């Protein structure tokens, strides 16, 4: 068996000293706070439904960006922001509005 780590002082710590150091280190980490961890709920939607929702979200965002572009003052018409808004608004998203294949005989 390989030797363990070198002692921090002149002698190796006892089990009680090691346990006290461990507890002190972990008490400083938590400091009376409680960590609550939540699991993300599973997405139960089918793939076609997720696709339709994503396309609807993209179309809604594109409409919002068009409103933003229309509301820009003339002084900001040649800015990088306006160029980016135009690029987003010029995207043709109509080809995304298709029903993806269901697969494995699930037609309903």
C-alpha atoms as a PDB file:
ATOM      1  CA  UNK A   1       0.000   0.000   0.000  1.00  0.00           C
ATOM      2  CA  UNK A   2       1.434   3.439  -0.895  1.00  0.00           C
ATOM      3  CA  UNK A   3       2.160   5.823   1.940  1.00  0.00           C
ATOM      4  CA  UNK A   4      -0.466   8.461   2.742  1.00  0.00           C
ATOM      5  CA  UNK A   5      -0.030  12.213   2.633  1.00  0.00           C
ATOM      6  CA  UNK A   6       2.670  13.845   4.730  1.00  0.00           C
ATOM      7  CA  UNK A   7       1.533  15.214   8.097  1.00  0.00           C
ATOM      8  CA  UNK A   8       0.797  18.942   8.280  1.00  0.00           C
ATOM      9  CA  UNK A   9       2.605  19.313  11.592  1.00  0.00           C
ATOM     10  CA  UNK A  10       5.330  17.375  13.346  1.00  0.00           C
ATOM     11  CA  UNK A  11       3.137  14.328  13.796  1.00  0.00           C
ATOM     12  CA  UNK A  12       0.210  12.718  12.036  1.00  0.00           C
ATOM     13  CA  UNK A  13      -3.267  13.798  13.132  1.00  0.00           C
ATOM     14  CA  UNK A  14      -5.370  11.494  15.208  1.00  0.00           C
ATOM     15  CA  UNK A  15      -8.729  10.295  13.938  1.00  0.00           C
ATOM     16  CA  UNK A  16     -10.515  12.740  16.271  1.00  0.00           C
ATOM     17  CA  UNK A  17      -8.419  15.667  15.009  1.00  0.00           C
ATOM     18  CA  UNK A  18      -9.056  14.722  11.397  1.00  0.00           C
ATOM     19  CA  UNK A  19     -12.801  14.449  12.059  1.00  0.00           C
ATOM     20  CA  UNK A  20     -12.863  17.831  13.817  1.00  0.00           C
ATOM     21  CA  UNK A  21     -11.056  19.456  10.874  1.00  0.00           C
ATOM     22  CA  UNK A  22     -13.503  17.853   8.422  1.00  0.00           C
ATOM     23  CA  UNK A  23     -16.547  19.057  10.381  1.00  0.00           C
ATOM     24  CA  UNK A  24     -15.133  22.581  10.717  1.00  0.00           C
ATOM     25  CA  UNK A  25     -14.474  22.791   6.979  1.00  0.00           C
ATOM     26  CA  UNK A  26     -17.962  21.611   6.100  1.00  0.00           C
ATOM     27  CA  UNK A  27     -19.601  23.856   8.678  1.00  0.00           C
ATOM     28  CA  UNK A  28     -17.897  26.844   7.062  1.00  0.00           C
ATOM     29  CA  UNK A  29     -19.202  25.776   3.629  1.00  0.00           C
ATOM     30  CA  UNK A  30     -22.839  25.498   4.623  1.00  0.00           C
ATOM     31  CA  UNK A  31     -22.923  28.328   7.195  1.00  0.00           C
ATOM     32  CA  UNK A  32     -26.554  27.637   8.032  1.00  0.00           C
ATOM     33  CA  UNK A  33     -27.792  27.665   4.453  1.00  0.00           C
ATOM     34  CA  UNK A  34     -29.945  24.919   3.094  1.00  0.00           C
ATOM     35  CA  UNK A  35     -29.339  23.847  -0.474  1.00  0.00           C
ATOM     36  CA  UNK A  36     -32.543  22.931  -2.264  1.00  0.00           C
ATOM     37  CA  UNK A  37     -32.122  21.211  -5.588  1.00  0.00           C
ATOM     38  CA  UNK A  38     -34.997  20.999  -8.002  1.00  0.00           C
ATOM     39  CA  UNK A  39     -35.291  18.594 -10.876  1.00  0.00           C
ATOM     40  CA  UNK A  40     -36.521  19.999 -14.140  1.00  0.00           C
ATOM     41  CA  UNK A  41     -39.819  18.438 -15.050  1.00  0.00           C
ATOM     42  CA  UNK A  42     -39.660  16.076 -17.981  1.00  0.00           C
ATOM     43  CA  UNK A  43     -40.936  17.480 -21.252  1.00  0.00           C
ATOM     44  CA  UNK A  44     -43.865  15.203 -22.097  1.00  0.00           C
ATOM     45  CA  UNK A  45     -44.679  16.794 -25.458  1.00  0.00           C
ATOM     46  CA  UNK A  46     -44.212  14.753 -28.606  1.00  0.00           C
ATOM     47  CA  UNK A  47     -41.527  15.738 -31.098  1.00  0.00           C
ATOM     48  CA  UNK A  48     -44.045  17.114 -33.608  1.00  0.00           C
ATOM     49  CA  UNK A  49     -45.654  19.215 -30.879  1.00  0.00           C
ATOM     50  CA  UNK A  50     -42.245  20.502 -29.740  1.00  0.00           C
ATOM     51  CA  UNK A  51     -41.461  21.362 -33.400  1.00  0.00           C
ATOM     52  CA  UNK A  52     -44.733  23.274 -33.822  1.00  0.00           C
ATOM     53  CA  UNK A  53     -44.134  25.133 -30.545  1.00  0.00           C
ATOM     54  CA  UNK A  54     -40.577  26.056 -31.572  1.00  0.00           C
ATOM     55  CA  UNK A  55     -41.699  27.330 -34.985  1.00  0.00           C
ATOM     56  CA  UNK A  56     -44.500  29.351 -33.375  1.00  0.00           C
ATOM     57  CA  UNK A  57     -41.973  30.866 -30.952  1.00  0.00           C
ATOM     58  CA  UNK A  58     -39.635  31.790 -33.825  1.00  0.00           C
ATOM     59  CA  UNK A  59     -42.456  33.424 -35.772  1.00  0.00           C
ATOM     60  CA  UNK A  60     -43.544  35.355 -32.697  1.00  0.00           C
ATOM     61  CA  UNK A  61     -39.987  36.542 -32.070  1.00  0.00           C
ATOM     62  CA  UNK A  62     -39.604  37.577 -35.701  1.00  0.00           C
ATOM     63  CA  UNK A  63     -42.802  39.651 -35.427  1.00  0.00           C
ATOM     64  CA  UNK A  64     -41.471  41.291 -32.255  1.00  0.00           C
ATOM     65  CA  UNK A  65     -38.198  42.124 -33.999  1.00  0.00           C
ATOM     66  CA  UNK A  66     -40.140  43.597 -36.945  1.00  0.00           C
ATOM     67  CA  UNK A  67     -42.047  45.862 -34.543  1.00  0.00           C
ATOM     68  CA  UNK A  68     -38.762  46.892 -32.957  1.00  0.00           C
ATOM     69  CA  UNK A  69     -37.271  47.661 -36.384  1.00  0.00           C
ATOM     70  CA  UNK A  70     -40.344  49.667 -37.392  1.00  0.00           C
ATOM     71  CA  UNK A  71     -40.129  51.693 -34.166  1.00  0.00           C
ATOM     72  CA  UNK A  72     -36.449  52.611 -34.594  1.00  0.00           C
ATOM     73  CA  UNK A  73     -35.880  56.312 -35.152  1.00  0.00           C
ATOM     74  CA  UNK A  74     -34.249  57.464 -38.393  1.00  0.00           C
ATOM     75  CA  UNK A  75     -31.059  58.360 -36.537  1.00  0.00           C
ATOM     76  CA  UNK A  76     -30.511  54.656 -35.720  1.00  0.00           C
ATOM     77  CA  UNK A  77     -31.317  53.305 -39.189  1.00  0.00           C
ATOM     78  CA  UNK A  78     -27.657  52.682 -40.094  1.00  0.00           C
ATOM     79  CA  UNK A  79     -26.510  51.123 -36.816  1.00  0.00           C
ATOM     80  CA  UNK A  80     -25.407  47.508 -36.274  1.00  0.00           C
ATOM     81  CA  UNK A  81     -28.577  46.945 -34.238  1.00  0.00           C
ATOM     82  CA  UNK A  82     -30.759  47.918 -37.196  1.00  0.00           C
ATOM     83  CA  UNK A  83     -28.695  45.703 -39.495  1.00  0.00           C
ATOM     84  CA  UNK A  84     -29.150  42.739 -37.156  1.00  0.00           C
ATOM     85  CA  UNK A  85     -32.885  43.399 -36.886  1.00  0.00           C
ATOM     86  CA  UNK A  86     -33.164  43.538 -40.690  1.00  0.00           C
ATOM     87  CA  UNK A  87     -31.267  40.255 -40.998  1.00  0.00           C
ATOM     88  CA  UNK A  88     -33.658  38.546 -38.577  1.00  0.00           C
ATOM     89  CA  UNK A  89     -36.711  40.022 -40.281  1.00  0.00           C
ATOM     90  CA  UNK A  90     -35.474  38.991 -43.741  1.00  0.00           C
ATOM     91  CA  UNK A  91     -35.254  35.308 -42.767  1.00  0.00           C
ATOM     92  CA  UNK A  92     -37.866  33.189 -44.533  1.00  0.00           C
ATOM     93  CA  UNK A  93     -39.363  31.036 -41.795  1.00  0.00           C
ATOM     94  CA  UNK A  94     -42.328  29.867 -43.845  1.00  0.00           C
ATOM     95  CA  UNK A  95     -40.466  26.686 -44.839  1.00  0.00           C
ATOM     96  CA  UNK A  96     -40.372  25.620 -41.199  1.00  0.00           C
ATOM     97  CA  UNK A  97     -44.142  25.289 -40.965  1.00  0.00           C
ATOM     98  CA  UNK A  98     -44.249  21.635 -41.989  1.00  0.00           C
ATOM     99  CA  UNK A  99     -45.291  18.581 -40.031  1.00  0.00           C
ATOM    100  CA  UNK A 100     -42.226  16.467 -39.291  1.00  0.00           C
ATOM    101  CA  UNK A 101     -42.480  12.701 -39.767  1.00  0.00           C
ATOM    102  CA  UNK A 102     -43.935  10.754 -36.880  1.00  0.00           C
ATOM    103  CA  UNK A 103     -42.004   7.532 -37.407  1.00  0.00           C
ATOM    104  CA  UNK A 104     -42.620   3.894 -36.569  1.00  0.00           C
ATOM    105  CA  UNK A 105     -46.239   3.851 -37.758  1.00  0.00           C
ATOM    106  CA  UNK A 106     -47.561   6.478 -35.323  1.00  0.00           C
ATOM    107  CA  UNK A 107     -49.837   8.454 -37.592  1.00  0.00           C
ATOM    108  CA  UNK A 108     -52.328   9.666 -35.005  1.00  0.00           C
END
